[in-house]
Each structure stands twice: as structure tokens, then as C-alpha cells.
Amino acid sequence: MRCLVRDRVKAGALEAAGLEIHVGDVTDTGSLAGAAQGVEVAYYLVHAMAGGGEFAERERTGALNFARMAKREGVERVVYLGGLGDESTSKHLGSRHETARILAAEGPPLTYFRAAMVVGAGSESYRTLRYLVSRLPVMIAPAWLRTATQPIGIDATVEYLRLAPAVPESEGREVQIGGPDVISYSEMLDRMASAMGMRPPPKLPAPFITPWLSALWLGLVTPVDVDVARPLVEGLTTATVVTDPTGAKPFGIEPETLDEALRRALAEEGSFRTPPSE
């Protein structure tokens, strides 16, 4: 297995585990030369939101460079994880979908997974939920808390990614994946509180708070990068649910429930608390 990284020092744990390292940047064509030599399947899990500004342009450039390099160097399949939802209503979701279009048009055959929030200890969206629940005794409730979503646990997500090369039906197509729970973000906050052994915080309706103000608010009450929070919150106004489950059926995967995924993530972080007795 070979990993493409920008900083060899930060990838020290990967190298110590015996993985091969190629130092490069998808926005720099020259640095990619040789990255995929001898590689059969390439996983593209890149986004540029943390850099702020015109992240969509950087993502277009990165996808184009990577796709052309993968095709030139003989990669047989590219696997990409993007987002569910109507891309026309969110710059973040639109960029995710545009990345998939570029990879499909310019590179090897693509398996395009689309998911809502991935619930795992390292997920930025999951961390945001946890910080909100743990730090706020009362929560302002913007209109987007009523938006429907279909989160999926990290274990099931990784299993879909792992199996993609072995599922012929996934070549050259979109695969929408989600867990068994279709709920609102408000209910997801309540589920997080229960998993942490806390009572769900009261919510004060504030329907006129814009996504921009919500992102600033998140930046004040959580350690999440505002440059990441702003496009994420913008995307929360769009329903992110599976509308076509046919692509996922050949995989035969049954994702765990949201409650199970939350408990697993909290245990992994060491944040789990025994629920209070009634």
C-alpha cells in the first residue's frame, strides 16, 4: 500500500507501520509523477476546505491532476467518497460532486460513494456534535436543525470502500450509502447526549439565524476550524438521505445504528459516560 502525503513528518506513523510513502500535492502536477506506478486501485479522499477561500477551485485542480496521473500510470480503478444531497444548494456539496465528475471524465473507471455524516472518532462533523452537546446547557436552534439526514458509522463506510474493487457492479457508477436511521440534526444532537450519559439540552428556536452566523457561533463554542465549519453548516440546510439504494445492495453490508456508531466513537475517544439512573 502506498500513501500520498504532503508532509512526510506528519505521516511518520504510516511509514513506521510499513506503508510506502510518496510525498506530493494533488494541486502540484510535478509532485505526483510516479505516485501511482504499480497501483491497481487508488482511493481519493481529498478535500480542501481547511484552506479556506476558494476551496472549490483547489478541489477542481486537485481532482483533474490526480485523475490524469492515475490514468497515465495505469491505475485500473479510482474510489472516491463524496456527499449526499442536492449539490446545487451548497458550495461544499457542489464541489464534492464536481470532484466526482472530473475524476470520472478524466481518469480510470470510478466508484463514487456518496454519504451523509460519517460517525467516527476522527470525523469533523461528529466532533462538532459532541462539543455542542458537552459545552452548551441550552442550545440555539437554527432552522437547519430540522433538516433530514442519514448518518453512517465509520466501520461500515470503510467496509464499503474496502470491498469496492471486488464488487464489479460498482465500477463506473454512483453508490449511495447510509445507516438505518433517517433523522433530523436536532434528534441527532439528542442521540449524542444520550450516548454521552447526558440529558438532551433544551433548544431555543432561532429560525432566522443564517448558516454564516451559525458557522461563526460554532467557531466560538467548539474548536472546529471556522473555514471548515462554514461550508459544512451551509450543507446542513440540504437533506442528505439515500434516494437510490440499488448501488449499495451488491455489497451486502448492514451498517450499524446511529446509537451504536456514537457509542463506538465515544468509547474510542474515551469520552463514554454511564447514563444517569432514572
Protein backbone atom coordinates (compact mmCIF):
# COMPACT_ATOMS: atom_id res chain seq x y z
CA MET A 1 0.00 0.00 0.00
CA ARG A 2 1.25 3.44 -0.93
CA CYS A 3 0.08 6.68 0.68
CA LEU A 4 0.25 10.10 -0.98
CA VAL A 5 1.06 12.69 1.68
CA ARG A 6 2.13 16.33 1.70
CA ASP A 7 4.26 16.08 4.84
CA ARG A 8 6.46 13.04 5.49
CA VAL A 9 6.96 14.02 9.14
CA LYS A 10 3.21 14.04 9.84
CA ALA A 11 2.95 10.66 8.10
CA GLY A 12 5.57 9.12 10.38
CA ALA A 13 3.13 6.66 11.94
CA LEU A 14 2.11 5.37 8.49
CA GLU A 15 5.71 4.87 7.46
CA ALA A 16 6.53 3.16 10.78
CA ALA A 17 3.65 0.74 10.11
CA GLY A 18 5.37 -0.34 6.90
CA LEU A 19 3.35 1.66 4.36
CA GLU A 20 5.13 3.15 1.38
CA ILE A 21 5.11 6.97 1.27
CA HIS A 22 5.02 9.26 -1.74
CA VAL A 23 5.38 12.95 -0.91
CA GLY A 24 3.32 15.17 -3.19
CA ASP A 25 0.37 17.53 -3.52
CA VAL A 26 -2.59 16.98 -5.84
CA THR A 27 -2.51 20.67 -6.80
CA ASP A 28 1.10 20.29 -8.00
CA THR A 29 1.28 18.12 -11.13
CA GLY A 30 5.03 17.60 -10.98
CA SER A 31 4.97 16.21 -7.46
CA LEU A 32 2.56 13.44 -8.49
CA ALA A 33 4.87 11.79 -11.02
CA GLY A 34 5.32 8.13 -10.11
CA ALA A 35 2.78 8.22 -7.28
CA ALA A 36 0.60 5.51 -8.84
CA GLN A 37 3.19 3.36 -10.59
CA GLY A 38 2.27 -0.29 -9.97
CA VAL A 39 -1.01 0.65 -8.23
CA GLU A 40 -4.22 -1.13 -9.25
CA VAL A 41 -6.76 0.80 -7.14
CA ALA A 42 -6.43 4.40 -5.97
CA TYR A 43 -8.58 5.91 -3.21
CA TYR A 44 -9.19 9.64 -3.49
CA LEU A 45 -10.19 11.07 -0.08
CA VAL A 46 -9.08 14.68 -0.50
CA HIS A 47 -10.86 17.94 0.28
CA ALA A 48 -9.51 21.48 0.61
CA MET A 49 -11.98 23.24 2.92
CA ALA A 50 -9.47 23.74 5.72
CA GLY A 51 -7.50 26.06 3.44
CA GLY A 52 -10.43 28.50 3.33
CA GLY A 53 -11.03 30.88 0.45
CA GLU A 54 -11.60 29.35 -2.97
CA PHE A 55 -11.51 25.72 -1.85
CA ALA A 56 -13.72 24.64 -4.76
CA GLU A 57 -11.12 25.78 -7.31
CA ARG A 58 -8.36 23.92 -5.46
CA GLU A 59 -10.52 20.81 -5.37
CA ARG A 60 -11.15 21.01 -9.13
CA THR A 61 -7.43 21.37 -9.80
CA GLY A 62 -6.54 18.51 -7.47
CA ALA A 63 -9.11 16.13 -8.95
CA LEU A 64 -8.02 16.91 -12.51
CA ASN A 65 -4.33 16.40 -11.74
CA PHE A 66 -4.95 13.18 -9.83
CA ALA A 67 -7.30 11.68 -12.42
CA ARG A 68 -4.92 12.30 -15.31
CA MET A 69 -1.95 10.97 -13.34
CA ALA A 70 -3.87 7.81 -12.35
CA LYS A 71 -4.89 7.14 -15.95
CA ARG A 72 -1.40 7.83 -17.28
CA GLU A 73 0.24 5.50 -14.76
CA GLY A 74 -2.12 2.56 -15.36
CA VAL A 75 -4.48 2.63 -12.36
CA GLU A 76 -7.45 0.32 -13.02
CA ARG A 77 -9.99 1.85 -10.64
CA VAL A 78 -10.43 5.04 -8.60
CA VAL A 79 -12.65 5.01 -5.49
CA TYR A 80 -13.94 8.33 -4.18
CA LEU A 81 -16.09 9.30 -1.18
CA GLY A 82 -18.31 12.36 -1.65
CA GLY A 83 -21.51 13.64 -0.08
CA LEU A 84 -25.24 13.04 -0.37
CA GLY A 85 -27.66 15.86 -1.10
CA ASP A 86 -28.61 18.32 -3.81
CA GLU A 87 -25.30 19.83 -4.88
CA SER A 88 -27.00 22.94 -6.36
CA THR A 89 -27.82 24.34 -2.93
CA SER A 90 -24.40 24.15 -1.27
CA LYS A 91 -20.92 25.15 -2.40
CA HIS A 92 -19.46 22.33 -0.31
CA LEU A 93 -21.76 19.63 -1.72
CA GLY A 94 -21.43 21.08 -5.22
CA SER A 95 -17.65 20.83 -5.01
CA ARG A 96 -17.87 17.22 -3.80
CA HIS A 97 -20.00 16.32 -6.82
CA GLU A 98 -17.85 18.29 -9.26
CA THR A 99 -14.81 16.39 -7.99
CA ALA A 100 -16.58 13.12 -8.86
CA ARG A 101 -17.46 14.36 -12.35
CA ILE A 102 -13.84 15.30 -13.04
CA LEU A 103 -12.48 12.00 -11.71
CA ALA A 104 -14.97 10.06 -13.87
CA ALA A 105 -14.34 12.09 -17.02
CA GLU A 106 -10.54 12.33 -16.83
CA GLY A 107 -9.39 9.21 -15.02
CA PRO A 108 -9.83 5.43 -14.77
CA PRO A 109 -13.28 3.90 -14.07
CA LEU A 110 -14.71 5.48 -10.91
CA THR A 111 -16.67 4.11 -7.96
CA TYR A 112 -18.37 7.18 -6.49
CA PHE A 113 -19.62 6.64 -2.94
CA ARG A 114 -21.95 9.29 -1.53
CA ALA A 115 -22.58 9.53 2.21
CA ALA A 116 -24.00 11.97 4.74
CA MET A 117 -22.22 12.41 8.08
CA VAL A 118 -19.69 9.66 8.79
CA VAL A 119 -19.82 8.94 12.53
CA GLY A 120 -16.37 8.14 13.84
CA ALA A 121 -13.92 9.46 16.40
CA GLY A 122 -11.96 11.45 13.81
CA SER A 123 -14.93 12.92 11.93
CA GLU A 124 -15.10 16.73 11.99
CA SER A 125 -18.91 16.69 11.88
CA TYR A 126 -19.10 14.15 14.70
CA ARG A 127 -16.67 16.21 16.82
CA THR A 128 -18.83 19.28 16.26
CA LEU A 129 -21.90 17.46 17.58
CA ARG A 130 -20.02 16.19 20.60
CA TYR A 131 -18.65 19.61 21.52
CA LEU A 132 -22.07 21.24 21.15
CA VAL A 133 -23.69 18.70 23.47
CA SER A 134 -20.92 18.76 26.07
CA ARG A 135 -20.43 22.53 26.23
CA LEU A 136 -23.88 24.09 25.89
CA PRO A 137 -26.50 23.81 28.67
CA VAL A 138 -29.03 25.49 26.33
CA MET A 139 -28.77 25.41 22.55
CA ILE A 140 -29.84 27.95 19.96
CA ALA A 141 -31.84 26.05 17.32
CA PRO A 142 -31.47 27.37 13.75
CA ALA A 143 -33.88 26.13 11.09
CA TRP A 144 -31.29 23.69 9.70
CA LEU A 145 -31.63 21.52 12.83
CA ARG A 146 -34.90 20.26 11.28
CA THR A 147 -33.13 19.04 8.10
CA ALA A 148 -33.28 15.30 7.46
CA THR A 149 -30.06 13.30 7.27
CA GLN A 150 -28.95 9.65 7.18
CA PRO A 151 -25.64 9.24 9.03
CA ILE A 152 -23.44 6.16 8.68
CA GLY A 153 -20.83 4.66 11.01
CA ILE A 154 -17.15 4.75 10.11
CA ASP A 155 -16.82 0.94 10.20
CA ALA A 156 -19.47 0.41 7.52
CA THR A 157 -18.04 3.26 5.44
CA VAL A 158 -14.56 1.74 5.47
CA GLU A 159 -16.02 -1.67 4.59
CA TYR A 160 -17.77 -0.22 1.53
CA LEU A 161 -14.51 1.40 0.44
CA ARG A 162 -12.54 -1.80 1.05
CA LEU A 163 -14.91 -4.01 -0.92
CA ALA A 164 -15.33 -1.69 -3.93
CA PRO A 165 -12.64 -3.35 -6.12
CA ALA A 166 -14.24 -6.77 -5.51
CA VAL A 167 -17.78 -5.65 -6.48
CA PRO A 168 -17.92 -5.48 -10.30
CA GLU A 169 -21.31 -3.73 -10.24
CA SER A 170 -19.75 -0.70 -8.53
CA GLU A 171 -17.39 0.10 -11.41
CA GLY A 172 -18.30 3.29 -13.19
CA ARG A 173 -21.30 4.12 -11.03
CA GLU A 174 -22.59 6.10 -8.07
CA VAL A 175 -23.18 4.22 -4.81
CA GLN A 176 -25.28 5.97 -2.16
CA ILE A 177 -24.63 4.67 1.36
CA GLY A 178 -26.32 5.39 4.68
CA GLY A 179 -27.17 3.88 8.03
CA PRO A 180 -30.62 2.64 9.08
CA ASP A 181 -31.59 5.93 10.81
CA VAL A 182 -33.14 8.84 8.90
CA ILE A 183 -33.48 11.66 11.42
CA SER A 184 -33.15 15.43 11.88
CA TYR A 185 -29.97 17.07 13.13
CA SER A 186 -31.91 18.08 16.24
CA GLU A 187 -32.65 14.44 17.03
CA MET A 188 -29.04 13.54 16.28
CA LEU A 189 -27.94 16.01 18.99
CA ASP A 190 -30.35 14.32 21.42
CA ARG A 191 -28.95 10.90 20.49
CA MET A 192 -25.43 12.19 21.10
CA ALA A 193 -26.44 13.47 24.53
CA SER A 194 -27.96 10.10 25.44
CA ALA A 195 -24.85 8.25 24.26
CA MET A 196 -22.74 10.53 26.47
CA GLY A 197 -24.94 9.88 29.50
CA MET A 198 -26.37 13.41 29.46
CA ARG A 199 -29.85 14.83 29.18
CA PRO A 200 -30.59 16.44 25.80
CA PRO A 201 -30.09 20.22 26.08
CA PRO A 202 -33.15 22.48 25.73
CA LYS A 203 -33.28 24.21 22.35
CA LEU A 204 -34.36 27.80 21.77
CA PRO A 205 -35.84 28.21 18.25
CA ALA A 206 -33.95 30.78 16.16
CA PRO A 207 -35.16 30.16 12.59
CA PHE A 208 -33.68 33.36 11.16
CA ILE A 209 -30.04 32.59 12.00
CA THR A 210 -28.16 32.21 8.71
CA PRO A 211 -25.62 29.44 8.01
CA TRP A 212 -22.90 32.11 8.07
CA LEU A 213 -23.85 33.17 11.61
CA SER A 214 -24.18 29.53 12.64
CA ALA A 215 -20.61 28.87 11.46
CA LEU A 216 -19.29 31.84 13.48
CA TRP A 217 -21.21 30.56 16.50
CA LEU A 218 -19.72 27.08 16.09
CA GLY A 219 -16.28 28.66 15.93
CA LEU A 220 -16.90 30.33 19.30
CA VAL A 221 -18.22 27.31 21.21
CA THR A 222 -16.21 24.50 19.60
CA PRO A 223 -12.56 24.10 18.49
CA VAL A 224 -13.69 23.28 14.93
CA ASP A 225 -11.96 25.38 12.25
CA VAL A 226 -14.37 28.12 11.07
CA ASP A 227 -13.10 27.68 7.49
CA VAL A 228 -14.33 24.08 7.69
CA ALA A 229 -17.48 24.88 9.72
CA ARG A 230 -18.83 27.47 7.28
CA PRO A 231 -19.22 25.21 4.21
CA LEU A 232 -20.29 22.29 6.42
CA VAL A 233 -23.10 24.31 8.00
CA GLU A 234 -24.14 25.62 4.60
CA GLY A 235 -24.59 21.99 3.54
CA LEU A 236 -26.72 21.24 6.61
CA THR A 237 -29.62 23.15 5.07
CA THR A 238 -29.91 20.41 2.42
CA ALA A 239 -31.42 16.98 3.12
CA THR A 240 -28.73 14.30 2.92
CA VAL A 241 -30.54 10.98 2.60
CA VAL A 242 -30.19 7.96 0.33
CA THR A 243 -32.58 8.27 -2.62
CA ASP A 244 -31.27 5.31 -4.64
CA PRO A 245 -30.19 2.27 -2.58
CA THR A 246 -29.58 -0.01 -5.58
CA GLY A 247 -25.86 0.73 -5.85
CA ALA A 248 -25.21 -0.42 -2.28
CA LYS A 249 -27.16 -3.69 -2.46
CA PRO A 250 -24.43 -5.85 -4.11
CA PHE A 251 -22.12 -5.11 -1.16
CA GLY A 252 -24.37 -6.93 1.34
CA ILE A 253 -23.39 -4.58 4.17
CA GLU A 254 -25.75 -3.81 7.07
CA PRO A 255 -24.49 -0.60 8.75
CA GLU A 256 -24.88 -0.28 12.50
CA THR A 257 -27.45 2.08 14.01
CA LEU A 258 -26.59 5.67 14.86
CA ASP A 259 -26.69 4.87 18.59
CA GLU A 260 -24.22 2.03 18.12
CA ALA A 261 -21.91 4.19 15.99
CA LEU A 262 -21.98 7.01 18.56
CA ARG A 263 -21.20 4.66 21.44
CA ARG A 264 -18.33 3.14 19.49
CA ALA A 265 -16.86 6.56 18.63
CA LEU A 266 -17.16 7.80 22.21
CA ALA A 267 -15.53 4.64 23.57
CA GLU A 268 -12.69 5.04 21.09
CA GLU A 269 -12.14 8.59 22.35
CA GLY A 270 -12.55 7.62 25.99
CA SER A 271 -15.50 10.03 26.27
CA PHE A 272 -18.14 7.46 27.19
CA ARG A 273 -20.05 8.01 30.43
CA THR A 274 -22.56 5.73 32.09
CA PRO A 275 -26.08 7.12 31.56
CA PRO A 276 -27.64 8.56 34.75
CA SER A 277 -30.15 6.38 36.54
CA GLU A 278 -33.77 7.48 36.40
